Structure formats: structure tokens, C-alpha cells
Amino acid sequence: MESVLPVVATLGIGGVLGWSTAHALKSVGKMLGCLLGVVFILLQVLAYYGIAEIHWDKAAQAAPVTKIASEGFRVLWKVLTYNLPFTGGFGAGFWLGVKK
């Protein structure tokens, strides 16, 4: 954090907001990843004991994940930078926040 603060400070409010947004998204992403893992384990336990039958082959064919993720990020970026006069500073701060 000590190495990031001087760079973020020079970027101004956009850099601080971008870094904070990236940090929040990373934290929420970790929580969602943990929740998804717990749900997967629960489903596998139910399938193991014969309580549920899961067709993973059909689930894999349901939607191309990379296309959905790419489009989701594109929409998220449009929302986060909407009407923002300091998009450059925000983008740089966001990148630093994701990187660290």
C-alpha cells in the first residue's frame, strides 16, 4: 500500500475512486467465488448421496462463459465511467487497485 499511495495521490480524486472501486470489486468477487464454491460442494454432496442428479454436460453447453464475462465487464465499465470527467485517472487508479 505504501508504494501505491504516492502514485494514486498524483492521479487525484479519479485515481482514489478507481482504486477504491477495484478494491471493492475484488473483495465482492472473492466473496462470490467462495459462495459459488460452497454451492458446488453442496451440489456434489447431494449428487454423491443420490439426492440430486446434476447434468454438468448440459450446464456447460448452456452459455459461453467468456462471451458473457467480456460483455459483463464492458457494461460494468460503461456504468462506472458514465459522466465521469476524470476517466483517465479513474482508469489508472482502477488498474492499480486490480494489480495490487
PDB file of N, CA and C in Angstrom:
ATOM      1  N   MET A   1       0.820  -1.185   0.000  1.00  0.00           N
ATOM      2  CA  MET A   1       0.000   0.000   0.000  1.00  0.00           C
ATOM      3  C   MET A   1       0.870   1.258   0.000  1.00  0.00           C
ATOM      4  N   GLU A   2       2.029   1.202   0.662  1.00  0.00           N
ATOM      5  CA  GLU A   2       2.903   2.366   0.726  1.00  0.00           C
ATOM      6  C   GLU A   2       3.413   2.761  -0.647  1.00  0.00           C
ATOM      7  N   SER A   3       3.659   1.781  -1.505  1.00  0.00           N
ATOM      8  CA  SER A   3       4.169   2.089  -2.835  1.00  0.00           C
ATOM      9  C   SER A   3       3.079   2.601  -3.766  1.00  0.00           C
ATOM     10  N   VAL A   4       1.831   2.320  -3.454  1.00  0.00           N
ATOM     11  CA  VAL A   4       0.721   2.723  -4.308  1.00  0.00           C
ATOM     12  C   VAL A   4       0.247   4.138  -3.983  1.00  0.00           C
ATOM     13  N   LEU A   5       0.307   4.526  -2.721  1.00  0.00           N
ATOM     14  CA  LEU A   5      -0.250   5.813  -2.317  1.00  0.00           C
ATOM     15  C   LEU A   5       0.327   7.019  -3.052  1.00  0.00           C
ATOM     16  N   PRO A   6       1.648   7.150  -3.247  1.00  0.00           N
ATOM     17  CA  PRO A   6       2.146   8.330  -3.975  1.00  0.00           C
ATOM     18  C   PRO A   6       1.622   8.407  -5.404  1.00  0.00           C
ATOM     19  N   VAL A   7       1.513   7.273  -6.060  1.00  0.00           N
ATOM     20  CA  VAL A   7       1.031   7.266  -7.443  1.00  0.00           C
ATOM     21  C   VAL A   7      -0.437   7.637  -7.478  1.00  0.00           C
ATOM     22  N   VAL A   8      -1.224   7.051  -6.582  1.00  0.00           N
ATOM     23  CA  VAL A   8      -2.659   7.332  -6.550  1.00  0.00           C
ATOM     24  C   VAL A   8      -2.905   8.791  -6.175  1.00  0.00           C
ATOM     25  N   ALA A   9      -2.096   9.331  -5.268  1.00  0.00           N
ATOM     26  CA  ALA A   9      -2.263  10.730  -4.857  1.00  0.00           C
ATOM     27  C   ALA A   9      -2.035  11.679  -6.026  1.00  0.00           C
ATOM     28  N   THR A  10      -1.097  11.363  -6.899  1.00  0.00           N
ATOM     29  CA  THR A  10      -0.845  12.245  -8.045  1.00  0.00           C
ATOM     30  C   THR A  10      -1.959  12.163  -9.084  1.00  0.00           C
ATOM     31  N   LEU A  11      -2.695  11.096  -9.076  1.00  0.00           N
ATOM     32  CA  LEU A  11      -3.791  10.961 -10.031  1.00  0.00           C
ATOM     33  C   LEU A  11      -5.030  11.728  -9.603  1.00  0.00           C
ATOM     34  N   GLY A  12      -5.107  12.114  -8.349  1.00  0.00           N
ATOM     35  CA  GLY A  12      -6.239  12.894  -7.868  1.00  0.00           C
ATOM     36  C   GLY A  12      -7.413  12.036  -7.471  1.00  0.00           C
ATOM     37  N   ILE A  13      -8.554  12.683  -7.432  1.00  0.00           N
ATOM     38  CA  ILE A  13      -9.775  12.029  -6.958  1.00  0.00           C
ATOM     39  C   ILE A  13     -10.167  10.856  -7.850  1.00  0.00           C
ATOM     40  N   GLY A  14      -9.926  10.963  -9.149  1.00  0.00           N
ATOM     41  CA  GLY A  14     -10.244   9.854 -10.053  1.00  0.00           C
ATOM     42  C   GLY A  14      -9.439   8.618  -9.722  1.00  0.00           C
ATOM     43  N   GLY A  15      -8.161   8.806  -9.417  1.00  0.00           N
ATOM     44  CA  GLY A  15      -7.312   7.674  -9.052  1.00  0.00           C
ATOM     45  C   GLY A  15      -7.753   7.022  -7.756  1.00  0.00           C
ATOM     46  N   VAL A  16      -8.097   7.840  -6.778  1.00  0.00           N
ATOM     47  CA  VAL A  16      -8.556   7.303  -5.490  1.00  0.00           C
ATOM     48  C   VAL A  16      -9.863   6.540  -5.665  1.00  0.00           C
ATOM     49  N   LEU A  17     -10.791   7.121  -6.411  1.00  0.00           N
ATOM     50  CA  LEU A  17     -12.067   6.440  -6.640  1.00  0.00           C
ATOM     51  C   LEU A  17     -11.883   5.160  -7.456  1.00  0.00           C
ATOM     52  N   GLY A  18     -11.002   5.192  -8.447  1.00  0.00           N
ATOM     53  CA  GLY A  18     -10.741   3.992  -9.242  1.00  0.00           C
ATOM     54  C   GLY A  18     -10.131   2.890  -8.410  1.00  0.00           C
ATOM     55  N   TRP A  19      -9.143   3.245  -7.575  1.00  0.00           N
ATOM     56  CA  TRP A  19      -8.503   2.250  -6.714  1.00  0.00           C
ATOM     57  C   TRP A  19      -9.518   1.673  -5.723  1.00  0.00           C
ATOM     58  N   SER A  20     -10.345   2.526  -5.143  1.00  0.00           N
ATOM     59  CA  SER A  20     -11.348   2.065  -4.178  1.00  0.00           C
ATOM     60  C   SER A  20     -12.370   1.150  -4.837  1.00  0.00           C
ATOM     61  N   THR A  21     -12.775   1.502  -6.040  1.00  0.00           N
ATOM     62  CA  THR A  21     -13.735   0.674  -6.770  1.00  0.00           C
ATOM     63  C   THR A  21     -13.147  -0.693  -7.078  1.00  0.00           C
ATOM     64  N   ALA A  22     -11.911  -0.733  -7.531  1.00  0.00           N
ATOM     65  CA  ALA A  22     -11.255  -2.014  -7.830  1.00  0.00           C
ATOM     66  C   ALA A  22     -11.128  -2.858  -6.570  1.00  0.00           C
ATOM     67  N   HIS A  23     -10.764  -2.231  -5.466  1.00  0.00           N
ATOM     68  CA  HIS A  23     -10.626  -2.965  -4.204  1.00  0.00           C
ATOM     69  C   HIS A  23     -11.973  -3.554  -3.780  1.00  0.00           C
ATOM     70  N   ALA A  24     -13.039  -2.772  -3.911  1.00  0.00           N
ATOM     71  CA  ALA A  24     -14.373  -3.255  -3.554  1.00  0.00           C
ATOM     72  C   ALA A  24     -14.799  -4.412  -4.457  1.00  0.00           C
ATOM     73  N   LEU A  25     -14.567  -4.277  -5.761  1.00  0.00           N
ATOM     74  CA  LEU A  25     -14.948  -5.342  -6.693  1.00  0.00           C
ATOM     75  C   LEU A  25     -14.159  -6.620  -6.433  1.00  0.00           C
ATOM     76  N   LYS A  26     -12.879  -6.480  -6.084  1.00  0.00           N
ATOM     77  CA  LYS A  26     -12.086  -7.670  -5.770  1.00  0.00           C
ATOM     78  C   LYS A  26     -12.622  -8.355  -4.518  1.00  0.00           C
ATOM     79  N   SER A  27     -12.979  -7.578  -3.506  1.00  0.00           N
ATOM     80  CA  SER A  27     -13.499  -8.162  -2.266  1.00  0.00           C
ATOM     81  C   SER A  27     -14.824  -8.871  -2.503  1.00  0.00           C
ATOM     82  N   VAL A  28     -15.718  -8.215  -3.233  1.00  0.00           N
ATOM     83  CA  VAL A  28     -17.017  -8.826  -3.535  1.00  0.00           C
ATOM     84  C   VAL A  28     -16.815 -10.066  -4.400  1.00  0.00           C
ATOM     85  N   GLY A  29     -15.894  -9.996  -5.342  1.00  0.00           N
ATOM     86  CA  GLY A  29     -15.603 -11.146  -6.205  1.00  0.00           C
ATOM     87  C   GLY A  29     -15.099 -12.340  -5.411  1.00  0.00           C
ATOM     88  N   LYS A  30     -14.267 -12.085  -4.416  1.00  0.00           N
ATOM     89  CA  LYS A  30     -13.774 -13.174  -3.576  1.00  0.00           C
ATOM     90  C   LYS A  30     -14.908 -13.804  -2.780  1.00  0.00           C
ATOM     91  N   MET A  31     -15.803 -12.967  -2.262  1.00  0.00           N
ATOM     92  CA  MET A  31     -16.944 -13.496  -1.508  1.00  0.00           C
ATOM     93  C   MET A  31     -17.856 -14.325  -2.416  1.00  0.00           C
ATOM     94  N   LEU A  32     -18.109 -13.821  -3.626  1.00  0.00           N
ATOM     95  CA  LEU A  32     -18.952 -14.571  -4.559  1.00  0.00           C
ATOM     96  C   LEU A  32     -18.287 -15.875  -4.982  1.00  0.00           C
ATOM     97  N   GLY A  33     -16.976 -15.843  -5.175  1.00  0.00           N
ATOM     98  CA  GLY A  33     -16.252 -17.064  -5.517  1.00  0.00           C
ATOM     99  C   GLY A  33     -16.345 -18.095  -4.409  1.00  0.00           C
ATOM    100  N   CYS A  34     -16.239 -17.647  -3.173  1.00  0.00           N
ATOM    101  CA  CYS A  34     -16.364 -18.547  -2.027  1.00  0.00           C
ATOM    102  C   CYS A  34     -17.772 -19.135  -1.962  1.00  0.00           C
ATOM    103  N   LEU A  35     -18.776 -18.290  -2.167  1.00  0.00           N
ATOM    104  CA  LEU A  35     -20.165 -18.761  -2.149  1.00  0.00           C
ATOM    105  C   LEU A  35     -20.409 -19.770  -3.263  1.00  0.00           C
ATOM    106  N   LEU A  36     -19.887 -19.496  -4.443  1.00  0.00           N
ATOM    107  CA  LEU A  36     -20.042 -20.421  -5.561  1.00  0.00           C
ATOM    108  C   LEU A  36     -19.378 -21.763  -5.257  1.00  0.00           C
ATOM    109  N   GLY A  37     -18.216 -21.719  -4.632  1.00  0.00           N
ATOM    110  CA  GLY A  37     -17.540 -22.956  -4.244  1.00  0.00           C
ATOM    111  C   GLY A  37     -18.336 -23.768  -3.244  1.00  0.00           C
ATOM    112  N   VAL A  38     -18.945 -23.108  -2.275  1.00  0.00           N
ATOM    113  CA  VAL A  38     -19.768 -23.800  -1.275  1.00  0.00           C
ATOM    114  C   VAL A  38     -20.995 -24.422  -1.937  1.00  0.00           C
ATOM    115  N   VAL A  39     -21.626 -23.694  -2.862  1.00  0.00           N
ATOM    116  CA  VAL A  39     -22.789 -24.236  -3.573  1.00  0.00           C
ATOM    117  C   VAL A  39     -22.388 -25.448  -4.398  1.00  0.00           C
ATOM    118  N   PHE A  40     -21.236 -25.378  -5.069  1.00  0.00           N
ATOM    119  CA  PHE A  40     -20.754 -26.516  -5.855  1.00  0.00           C
ATOM    120  C   PHE A  40     -20.526 -27.733  -4.962  1.00  0.00           C
ATOM    121  N   ILE A  41     -19.883 -27.524  -3.822  1.00  0.00           N
ATOM    122  CA  ILE A  41     -19.641 -28.636  -2.893  1.00  0.00           C
ATOM    123  C   ILE A  41     -20.963 -29.239  -2.435  1.00  0.00           C
ATOM    124  N   LEU A  42     -21.925 -28.387  -2.094  1.00  0.00           N
ATOM    125  CA  LEU A  42     -23.236 -28.874  -1.661  1.00  0.00           C
ATOM    126  C   LEU A  42     -23.902 -29.701  -2.757  1.00  0.00           C
ATOM    127  N   LEU A  43     -23.861 -29.209  -3.995  1.00  0.00           N
ATOM    128  CA  LEU A  43     -24.453 -29.964  -5.104  1.00  0.00           C
ATOM    129  C   LEU A  43     -23.765 -31.309  -5.302  1.00  0.00           C
ATOM    130  N   GLN A  44     -22.453 -31.329  -5.205  1.00  0.00           N
ATOM    131  CA  GLN A  44     -21.718 -32.579  -5.382  1.00  0.00           C
ATOM    132  C   GLN A  44     -22.031 -33.573  -4.259  1.00  0.00           C
ATOM    133  N   VAL A  45     -22.187 -33.085  -3.046  1.00  0.00           N
ATOM    134  CA  VAL A  45     -22.553 -33.965  -1.924  1.00  0.00           C
ATOM    135  C   VAL A  45     -23.946 -34.542  -2.153  1.00  0.00           C
ATOM    136  N   LEU A  46     -24.887 -33.704  -2.597  1.00  0.00           N
ATOM    137  CA  LEU A  46     -26.237 -34.190  -2.881  1.00  0.00           C
ATOM    138  C   LEU A  46     -26.230 -35.217  -4.009  1.00  0.00           C
ATOM    139  N   ALA A  47     -25.421 -34.988  -5.032  1.00  0.00           N
ATOM    140  CA  ALA A  47     -25.320 -35.947  -6.134  1.00  0.00           C
ATOM    141  C   ALA A  47     -24.672 -37.246  -5.658  1.00  0.00           C
ATOM    142  N   TYR A  48     -23.671 -37.157  -4.816  1.00  0.00           N
ATOM    143  CA  TYR A  48     -22.969 -38.333  -4.315  1.00  0.00           C
ATOM    144  C   TYR A  48     -23.911 -39.257  -3.546  1.00  0.00           C
ATOM    145  N   TYR A  49     -24.773 -38.665  -2.752  1.00  0.00           N
ATOM    146  CA  TYR A  49     -25.708 -39.464  -1.957  1.00  0.00           C
ATOM    147  C   TYR A  49     -27.000 -39.793  -2.698  1.00  0.00           C
ATOM    148  N   GLY A  50     -27.092 -39.436  -3.966  1.00  0.00           N
ATOM    149  CA  GLY A  50     -28.243 -39.804  -4.778  1.00  0.00           C
ATOM    150  C   GLY A  50     -29.464 -38.934  -4.542  1.00  0.00           C
ATOM    151  N   ILE A  51     -29.316 -37.833  -3.871  1.00  0.00           N
ATOM    152  CA  ILE A  51     -30.449 -36.942  -3.600  1.00  0.00           C
ATOM    153  C   ILE A  51     -30.743 -36.072  -4.810  1.00  0.00           C
ATOM    154  N   ALA A  52     -29.721 -35.727  -5.557  1.00  0.00           N
ATOM    155  CA  ALA A  52     -29.886 -34.876  -6.742  1.00  0.00           C
ATOM    156  C   ALA A  52     -29.118 -35.475  -7.907  1.00  0.00           C
ATOM    157  N   GLU A  53     -29.589 -35.182  -9.099  1.00  0.00           N
ATOM    158  CA  GLU A  53     -28.897 -35.610 -10.309  1.00  0.00           C
ATOM    159  C   GLU A  53     -28.549 -34.350 -11.100  1.00  0.00           C
ATOM    160  N   ILE A  54     -27.283 -34.137 -11.337  1.00  0.00           N
ATOM    161  CA  ILE A  54     -26.825 -32.920 -11.989  1.00  0.00           C
ATOM    162  C   ILE A  54     -26.240 -33.271 -13.350  1.00  0.00           C
ATOM    163  N   HIS A  55     -26.714 -32.601 -14.371  1.00  0.00           N
ATOM    164  CA  HIS A  55     -26.241 -32.831 -15.736  1.00  0.00           C
ATOM    165  C   HIS A  55     -25.228 -31.737 -16.081  1.00  0.00           C
ATOM    166  N   TRP A  56     -23.967 -31.945 -15.698  1.00  0.00           N
ATOM    167  CA  TRP A  56     -22.936 -30.935 -15.924  1.00  0.00           C
ATOM    168  C   TRP A  56     -22.677 -30.726 -17.410  1.00  0.00           C
ATOM    169  N   ASP A  57     -22.874 -31.761 -18.233  1.00  0.00           N
ATOM    170  CA  ASP A  57     -22.656 -31.609 -19.671  1.00  0.00           C
ATOM    171  C   ASP A  57     -23.633 -30.594 -20.271  1.00  0.00           C
ATOM    172  N   LYS A  58     -24.870 -30.599 -19.814  1.00  0.00           N
ATOM    173  CA  LYS A  58     -25.853 -29.628 -20.304  1.00  0.00           C
ATOM    174  C   LYS A  58     -25.585 -28.234 -19.741  1.00  0.00           C
ATOM    175  N   ALA A  59     -25.113 -28.174 -18.521  1.00  0.00           N
ATOM    176  CA  ALA A  59     -24.790 -26.874 -17.924  1.00  0.00           C
ATOM    177  C   ALA A  59     -23.623 -26.222 -18.663  1.00  0.00           C
ATOM    178  N   ALA A  60     -22.669 -27.019 -19.106  1.00  0.00           N
ATOM    179  CA  ALA A  60     -21.512 -26.486 -19.824  1.00  0.00           C
ATOM    180  C   ALA A  60     -21.902 -25.955 -21.197  1.00  0.00           C
ATOM    181  N   GLN A  61     -22.942 -26.503 -21.790  1.00  0.00           N
ATOM    182  CA  GLN A  61     -23.385 -26.065 -23.110  1.00  0.00           C
ATOM    183  C   GLN A  61     -24.348 -24.891 -23.047  1.00  0.00           C
ATOM    184  N   ALA A  62     -24.787 -24.522 -21.863  1.00  0.00           N
ATOM    185  CA  ALA A  62     -25.826 -23.502 -21.708  1.00  0.00           C
ATOM    186  C   ALA A  62     -25.398 -22.140 -22.257  1.00  0.00           C
ATOM    187  N   ALA A  63     -24.201 -21.684 -21.923  1.00  0.00           N
ATOM    188  CA  ALA A  63     -23.770 -20.362 -22.374  1.00  0.00           C
ATOM    189  C   ALA A  63     -22.251 -20.293 -22.426  1.00  0.00           C
ATOM    190  N   PRO A  64     -21.713 -19.617 -23.420  1.00  0.00           N
ATOM    191  CA  PRO A  64     -20.256 -19.428 -23.468  1.00  0.00           C
ATOM    192  C   PRO A  64     -19.823 -18.424 -22.395  1.00  0.00           C
ATOM    193  N   VAL A  65     -19.100 -18.895 -21.422  1.00  0.00           N
ATOM    194  CA  VAL A  65     -18.746 -18.093 -20.252  1.00  0.00           C
ATOM    195  C   VAL A  65     -17.867 -16.898 -20.621  1.00  0.00           C
ATOM    196  N   THR A  66     -16.914 -17.086 -21.522  1.00  0.00           N
ATOM    197  CA  THR A  66     -16.014 -15.980 -21.863  1.00  0.00           C
ATOM    198  C   THR A  66     -16.755 -14.827 -22.523  1.00  0.00           C
ATOM    199  N   LYS A  67     -17.731 -15.120 -23.362  1.00  0.00           N
ATOM    200  CA  LYS A  67     -18.507 -14.070 -24.022  1.00  0.00           C
ATOM    201  C   LYS A  67     -19.341 -13.304 -22.996  1.00  0.00           C
ATOM    202  N   ILE A  68     -19.948 -14.029 -22.071  1.00  0.00           N
ATOM    203  CA  ILE A  68     -20.760 -13.390 -21.038  1.00  0.00           C
ATOM    204  C   ILE A  68     -19.889 -12.518 -20.139  1.00  0.00           C
ATOM    205  N   ALA A  69     -18.729 -13.017 -19.739  1.00  0.00           N
ATOM    206  CA  ALA A  69     -17.827 -12.247 -18.870  1.00  0.00           C
ATOM    207  C   ALA A  69     -17.318 -11.001 -19.578  1.00  0.00           C
ATOM    208  N   SER A  70     -16.965 -11.127 -20.839  1.00  0.00           N
ATOM    209  CA  SER A  70     -16.473  -9.990 -21.612  1.00  0.00           C
ATOM    210  C   SER A  70     -17.541  -8.910 -21.733  1.00  0.00           C
ATOM    211  N   GLU A  71     -18.744  -9.303 -22.073  1.00  0.00           N
ATOM    212  CA  GLU A  71     -19.839  -8.341 -22.214  1.00  0.00           C
ATOM    213  C   GLU A  71     -20.199  -7.726 -20.862  1.00  0.00           C
ATOM    214  N   GLY A  72     -20.157  -8.532 -19.806  1.00  0.00           N
ATOM    215  CA  GLY A  72     -20.440  -8.021 -18.464  1.00  0.00           C
ATOM    216  C   GLY A  72     -19.437  -6.965 -18.043  1.00  0.00           C
ATOM    217  N   PHE A  73     -18.159  -7.196 -18.329  1.00  0.00           N
ATOM    218  CA  PHE A  73     -17.134  -6.207 -17.981  1.00  0.00           C
ATOM    219  C   PHE A  73     -17.312  -4.932 -18.788  1.00  0.00           C
ATOM    220  N   ARG A  74     -17.666  -5.081 -20.052  1.00  0.00           N
ATOM    221  CA  ARG A  74     -17.872  -3.914 -20.909  1.00  0.00           C
ATOM    222  C   ARG A  74     -19.005  -3.042 -20.363  1.00  0.00           C
ATOM    223  N   VAL A  75     -20.109  -3.671 -19.966  1.00  0.00           N
ATOM    224  CA  VAL A  75     -21.246  -2.935 -19.411  1.00  0.00           C
ATOM    225  C   VAL A  75     -20.866  -2.310 -18.072  1.00  0.00           C
ATOM    226  N   LEU A  76     -20.160  -3.059 -17.229  1.00  0.00           N
ATOM    227  CA  LEU A  76     -19.729  -2.539 -15.930  1.00  0.00           C
ATOM    228  C   LEU A  76     -18.848  -1.312 -16.113  1.00  0.00           C
ATOM    229  N   TRP A  77     -17.917  -1.354 -17.061  1.00  0.00           N
ATOM    230  CA  TRP A  77     -17.023  -0.214 -17.286  1.00  0.00           C
ATOM    231  C   TRP A  77     -17.809   1.002 -17.753  1.00  0.00           C
ATOM    232  N   LYS A  78     -18.828   0.793 -18.626  1.00  0.00           N
ATOM    233  CA  LYS A  78     -19.665   1.905 -19.078  1.00  0.00           C
ATOM    234  C   LYS A  78     -20.402   2.541 -17.900  1.00  0.00           C
ATOM    235  N   VAL A  79     -20.911   1.713 -17.008  1.00  0.00           N
ATOM    236  CA  VAL A  79     -21.637   2.214 -15.846  1.00  0.00           C
ATOM    237  C   VAL A  79     -20.698   2.972 -14.910  1.00  0.00           C
ATOM    238  N   LEU A  80     -19.523   2.416 -14.643  1.00  0.00           N
ATOM    239  CA  LEU A  80     -18.596   3.034 -13.698  1.00  0.00           C
ATOM    240  C   LEU A  80     -18.020   4.353 -14.204  1.00  0.00           C
ATOM    241  N   THR A  81     -17.880   4.507 -15.498  1.00  0.00           N
ATOM    242  CA  THR A  81     -17.281   5.728 -16.041  1.00  0.00           C
ATOM    243  C   THR A  81     -18.311   6.673 -16.654  1.00  0.00           C
ATOM    244  N   TYR A  82     -19.587   6.402 -16.472  1.00  0.00           N
ATOM    245  CA  TYR A  82     -20.635   7.249 -17.036  1.00  0.00           C
ATOM    246  C   TYR A  82     -20.548   8.665 -16.468  1.00  0.00           C
ATOM    247  N   ASN A  83     -20.478   9.647 -17.359  1.00  0.00           N
ATOM    248  CA  ASN A  83     -20.487  11.061 -16.995  1.00  0.00           C
ATOM    249  C   ASN A  83     -19.357  11.425 -16.028  1.00  0.00           C
ATOM    250  N   LEU A  84     -18.248  10.733 -16.115  1.00  0.00           N
ATOM    251  CA  LEU A  84     -17.105  10.943 -15.225  1.00  0.00           C
ATOM    252  C   LEU A  84     -16.074  11.808 -15.948  1.00  0.00           C
ATOM    253  N   PRO A  85     -15.782  13.013 -15.438  1.00  0.00           N
ATOM    254  CA  PRO A  85     -14.847  13.877 -16.144  1.00  0.00           C
ATOM    255  C   PRO A  85     -13.384  13.444 -16.002  1.00  0.00           C
ATOM    256  N   PHE A  86     -13.085  12.583 -15.042  1.00  0.00           N
ATOM    257  CA  PHE A  86     -11.696  12.168 -14.813  1.00  0.00           C
ATOM    258  C   PHE A  86     -11.536  10.672 -15.053  1.00  0.00           C
ATOM    259  N   THR A  87     -11.983  10.225 -16.233  1.00  0.00           N
ATOM    260  CA  THR A  87     -11.941   8.810 -16.579  1.00  0.00           C
ATOM    261  C   THR A  87     -10.513   8.280 -16.639  1.00  0.00           C
ATOM    262  N   GLY A  88      -9.581   9.090 -17.105  1.00  0.00           N
ATOM    263  CA  GLY A  88      -8.187   8.649 -17.193  1.00  0.00           C
ATOM    264  C   GLY A  88      -7.610   8.331 -15.829  1.00  0.00           C
ATOM    265  N   GLY A  89      -7.803   9.226 -14.881  1.00  0.00           N
ATOM    266  CA  GLY A  89      -7.335   8.988 -13.516  1.00  0.00           C
ATOM    267  C   GLY A  89      -8.046   7.814 -12.880  1.00  0.00           C
ATOM    268  N   PHE A  90      -9.342   7.713 -13.149  1.00  0.00           N
ATOM    269  CA  PHE A  90     -10.116   6.589 -12.627  1.00  0.00           C
ATOM    270  C   PHE A  90      -9.592   5.276 -13.186  1.00  0.00           C
ATOM    271  N   GLY A  91      -9.347   5.235 -14.492  1.00  0.00           N
ATOM    272  CA  GLY A  91      -8.842   4.016 -15.128  1.00  0.00           C
ATOM    273  C   GLY A  91      -7.490   3.605 -14.580  1.00  0.00           C
ATOM    274  N   ALA A  92      -6.607   4.589 -14.386  1.00  0.00           N
ATOM    275  CA  ALA A  92      -5.285   4.284 -13.850  1.00  0.00           C
ATOM    276  C   ALA A  92      -5.381   3.796 -12.414  1.00  0.00           C
ATOM    277  N   GLY A  93      -6.212   4.445 -11.607  1.00  0.00           N
ATOM    278  CA  GLY A  93      -6.412   4.005 -10.222  1.00  0.00           C
ATOM    279  C   GLY A  93      -7.045   2.636 -10.152  1.00  0.00           C
ATOM    280  N   PHE A  94      -8.000   2.379 -11.050  1.00  0.00           N
ATOM    281  CA  PHE A  94      -8.660   1.075 -11.102  1.00  0.00           C
ATOM    282  C   PHE A  94      -7.647  -0.007 -11.442  1.00  0.00           C
ATOM    283  N   TRP A  95      -6.796   0.261 -12.426  1.00  0.00           N
ATOM    284  CA  TRP A  95      -5.762  -0.703 -12.819  1.00  0.00           C
ATOM    285  C   TRP A  95      -4.826  -0.997 -11.659  1.00  0.00           C
ATOM    286  N   LEU A  96      -4.401   0.061 -10.964  1.00  0.00           N
ATOM    287  CA  LEU A  96      -3.520  -0.143  -9.798  1.00  0.00           C
ATOM    288  C   LEU A  96      -4.217  -0.946  -8.705  1.00  0.00           C
ATOM    289  N   GLY A  97      -5.507  -0.664  -8.502  1.00  0.00           N
ATOM    290  CA  GLY A  97      -6.267  -1.393  -7.491  1.00  0.00           C
ATOM    291  C   GLY A  97      -6.415  -2.870  -7.818  1.00  0.00           C
ATOM    292  N   VAL A  98      -6.613  -3.164  -9.088  1.00  0.00           N
ATOM    293  CA  VAL A  98      -6.740  -4.560  -9.505  1.00  0.00           C
ATOM    294  C   VAL A  98      -5.386  -5.266  -9.412  1.00  0.00           C
ATOM    295  N   LYS A  99      -4.327  -4.543  -9.760  1.00  0.00           N
ATOM    296  CA  LYS A  99      -2.993  -5.136  -9.780  1.00  0.00           C
ATOM    297  C   LYS A  99      -2.492  -5.456  -8.382  1.00  0.00           C
ATOM    298  N   LYS A 100      -2.764  -4.630  -7.396  1.00  0.00           N
ATOM    299  CA  LYS A 100      -2.242  -4.827  -6.046  1.00  0.00           C
ATOM    300  C   LYS A 100      -3.179  -5.638  -5.195  1.00  0.00           C
TER     301      LYS A 100
END
